[in-house]
Amino acid sequence: MYSLIITAALPITTNATHDECAISIIRNVIDMLRKACLKPEVIPEKLLKHLPDVRTTEGMKDVLVLCIVGRILPVLFCRITYKEEELDAISLNTAKLVR
């Protein structure tokens, strides 16, 4: 996750933690994993190397953990009302990936 953030998601960052950034990053990662499972060729090489290898047991475990996090995000960030649509999208993408 850290490598993915540094490589692509947040080219200009600070050391501060922002819930909005975490939500966006997790949404993008889950979306990329879903695409990588269905059509790996649509993921740029520089990003694909940071995603779990879903052909291995360890890679699938990583994906399942991320899916669990994605499904519980709306509970963890329930006070962030302005990001509710994005949380719903993460949850929906996660459900699609799990299926």
C-alpha atoms as a PDB file:
ATOM      1  CA  MET A   1       0.000   0.000   0.000  1.00  0.00           C
ATOM      2  CA  TYR A   2       2.753   2.445   0.929  1.00  0.00           C
ATOM      3  CA  SER A   3       4.616   1.824  -2.341  1.00  0.00           C
ATOM      4  CA  LEU A   4       1.415   2.310  -4.319  1.00  0.00           C
ATOM      5  CA  ILE A   5       0.733   5.619  -2.576  1.00  0.00           C
ATOM      6  CA  ILE A   6       4.243   6.917  -3.177  1.00  0.00           C
ATOM      7  CA  THR A   7       4.337   5.718  -6.801  1.00  0.00           C
ATOM      8  CA  ALA A   8       0.982   6.938  -8.062  1.00  0.00           C
ATOM      9  CA  ALA A   9      -1.729   8.002  -5.675  1.00  0.00           C
ATOM     10  CA  LEU A  10      -0.110  10.926  -3.873  1.00  0.00           C
ATOM     11  CA  PRO A  11       2.875  12.363  -5.756  1.00  0.00           C
ATOM     12  CA  ILE A  12       2.903  15.469  -3.545  1.00  0.00           C
ATOM     13  CA  THR A  13       2.327  14.480   0.074  1.00  0.00           C
ATOM     14  CA  THR A  14       2.912  15.528   3.652  1.00  0.00           C
ATOM     15  CA  ASN A  15       3.392  13.408   6.750  1.00  0.00           C
ATOM     16  CA  ALA A  16      -0.067  14.372   7.988  1.00  0.00           C
ATOM     17  CA  THR A  17      -2.793  11.735   8.026  1.00  0.00           C
ATOM     18  CA  HIS A  18      -6.038  12.635   6.296  1.00  0.00           C
ATOM     19  CA  ASP A  19      -9.046  10.337   6.351  1.00  0.00           C
ATOM     20  CA  GLU A  20     -10.110  11.595   2.933  1.00  0.00           C
ATOM     21  CA  CYS A  21      -6.803  10.480   1.412  1.00  0.00           C
ATOM     22  CA  ALA A  22      -7.018   7.040   3.003  1.00  0.00           C
ATOM     23  CA  ILE A  23     -10.543   6.588   1.703  1.00  0.00           C
ATOM     24  CA  SER A  24      -9.596   7.617  -1.832  1.00  0.00           C
ATOM     25  CA  ILE A  25      -6.502   5.428  -1.847  1.00  0.00           C
ATOM     26  CA  ILE A  26      -8.373   2.354  -0.628  1.00  0.00           C
ATOM     27  CA  ARG A  27     -11.105   2.973  -3.206  1.00  0.00           C
ATOM     28  CA  ASN A  28      -8.526   3.189  -6.001  1.00  0.00           C
ATOM     29  CA  VAL A  29      -6.659   0.091  -4.814  1.00  0.00           C
ATOM     30  CA  ILE A  30      -9.840  -1.999  -4.598  1.00  0.00           C
ATOM     31  CA  ASP A  31     -10.887  -0.777  -8.035  1.00  0.00           C
ATOM     32  CA  MET A  32      -7.467  -1.667  -9.481  1.00  0.00           C
ATOM     33  CA  LEU A  33      -7.559  -5.107  -7.845  1.00  0.00           C
ATOM     34  CA  ARG A  34     -10.978  -5.761  -9.347  1.00  0.00           C
ATOM     35  CA  LYS A  35      -9.686  -4.740 -12.783  1.00  0.00           C
ATOM     36  CA  ALA A  36      -6.509  -6.766 -12.285  1.00  0.00           C
ATOM     37  CA  CYS A  37      -8.586  -9.864 -11.536  1.00  0.00           C
ATOM     38  CA  LEU A  38     -10.753  -9.379 -14.629  1.00  0.00           C
ATOM     39  CA  LYS A  39      -8.434  -7.626 -17.102  1.00  0.00           C
ATOM     40  CA  PRO A  40      -4.840  -7.356 -15.836  1.00  0.00           C
ATOM     41  CA  GLU A  41      -3.756  -5.650 -19.060  1.00  0.00           C
ATOM     42  CA  VAL A  42      -5.662  -2.454 -18.147  1.00  0.00           C
ATOM     43  CA  ILE A  43      -3.423  -1.819 -15.120  1.00  0.00           C
ATOM     44  CA  PRO A  44      -0.210   0.129 -15.883  1.00  0.00           C
ATOM     45  CA  GLU A  45       2.926  -1.925 -15.177  1.00  0.00           C
ATOM     46  CA  LYS A  46       4.191   0.553 -12.570  1.00  0.00           C
ATOM     47  CA  LEU A  47       1.010   0.023 -10.539  1.00  0.00           C
ATOM     48  CA  LEU A  48       0.497  -3.685 -11.207  1.00  0.00           C
ATOM     49  CA  LYS A  49       3.784  -4.587  -9.519  1.00  0.00           C
ATOM     50  CA  HIS A  50       2.455  -3.104  -6.246  1.00  0.00           C
ATOM     51  CA  LEU A  51      -0.775  -5.107  -6.232  1.00  0.00           C
ATOM     52  CA  PRO A  52      -1.025  -8.550  -4.619  1.00  0.00           C
ATOM     53  CA  ASP A  53      -0.521 -11.480  -6.995  1.00  0.00           C
ATOM     54  CA  VAL A  54      -3.989 -13.056  -6.989  1.00  0.00           C
ATOM     55  CA  ARG A  55      -2.570 -16.273  -8.457  1.00  0.00           C
ATOM     56  CA  THR A  56      -0.890 -17.094  -5.129  1.00  0.00           C
ATOM     57  CA  THR A  57      -2.387 -18.015  -1.765  1.00  0.00           C
ATOM     58  CA  GLU A  58      -0.639 -15.111  -0.023  1.00  0.00           C
ATOM     59  CA  GLY A  59      -1.815 -12.681  -2.688  1.00  0.00           C
ATOM     60  CA  MET A  60      -5.416 -13.812  -2.308  1.00  0.00           C
ATOM     61  CA  LYS A  61      -5.132 -13.448   1.472  1.00  0.00           C
ATOM     62  CA  ASP A  62      -3.965  -9.858   0.954  1.00  0.00           C
ATOM     63  CA  VAL A  63      -6.910  -9.185  -1.351  1.00  0.00           C
ATOM     64  CA  LEU A  64      -9.392 -10.691   1.119  1.00  0.00           C
ATOM     65  CA  VAL A  65      -8.023  -8.543   3.947  1.00  0.00           C
ATOM     66  CA  LEU A  66      -8.378  -5.460   1.783  1.00  0.00           C
ATOM     67  CA  CYS A  67     -11.942  -6.499   0.919  1.00  0.00           C
ATOM     68  CA  ILE A  68     -12.794  -6.798   4.597  1.00  0.00           C
ATOM     69  CA  VAL A  69     -11.359  -3.341   5.242  1.00  0.00           C
ATOM     70  CA  GLY A  70     -13.309  -1.986   2.272  1.00  0.00           C
ATOM     71  CA  ARG A  71     -16.578  -3.412   3.576  1.00  0.00           C
ATOM     72  CA  ILE A  72     -16.133  -1.997   7.096  1.00  0.00           C
ATOM     73  CA  LEU A  73     -14.950   1.470   6.008  1.00  0.00           C
ATOM     74  CA  PRO A  74     -18.456   2.968   6.188  1.00  0.00           C
ATOM     75  CA  VAL A  75     -18.575   1.930   9.850  1.00  0.00           C
ATOM     76  CA  LEU A  76     -15.070   3.172  10.645  1.00  0.00           C
ATOM     77  CA  PHE A  77     -15.629   6.536   8.941  1.00  0.00           C
ATOM     78  CA  CYS A  78     -19.311   6.989   9.759  1.00  0.00           C
ATOM     79  CA  ARG A  79     -18.721  10.583  10.875  1.00  0.00           C
ATOM     80  CA  ILE A  80     -17.415  11.639   7.456  1.00  0.00           C
ATOM     81  CA  THR A  81     -20.712  12.578   5.848  1.00  0.00           C
ATOM     82  CA  TYR A  82     -19.243  14.424   2.850  1.00  0.00           C
ATOM     83  CA  LYS A  83     -17.457  11.243   1.763  1.00  0.00           C
ATOM     84  CA  GLU A  84     -20.513   9.006   2.105  1.00  0.00           C
ATOM     85  CA  GLU A  85     -20.846   8.462  -1.659  1.00  0.00           C
ATOM     86  CA  GLU A  86     -17.195   7.446  -1.927  1.00  0.00           C
ATOM     87  CA  LEU A  87     -17.565   5.047   1.011  1.00  0.00           C
ATOM     88  CA  ASP A  88     -20.605   3.525  -0.683  1.00  0.00           C
ATOM     89  CA  ALA A  89     -18.588   3.149  -3.896  1.00  0.00           C
ATOM     90  CA  ILE A  90     -15.754   1.422  -2.001  1.00  0.00           C
ATOM     91  CA  SER A  91     -18.236  -0.947  -0.397  1.00  0.00           C
ATOM     92  CA  LEU A  92     -19.869  -1.709  -3.763  1.00  0.00           C
ATOM     93  CA  ASN A  93     -16.503  -2.285  -5.490  1.00  0.00           C
ATOM     94  CA  THR A  94     -15.459  -4.563  -2.646  1.00  0.00           C
ATOM     95  CA  ALA A  95     -18.636  -6.600  -2.959  1.00  0.00           C
ATOM     96  CA  LYS A  96     -18.024  -6.960  -6.721  1.00  0.00           C
ATOM     97  CA  LEU A  97     -14.434  -8.047  -6.118  1.00  0.00           C
ATOM     98  CA  VAL A  98     -15.487 -10.621  -3.515  1.00  0.00           C
ATOM     99  CA  ARG A  99     -18.061 -12.066  -5.923  1.00  0.00           C
END
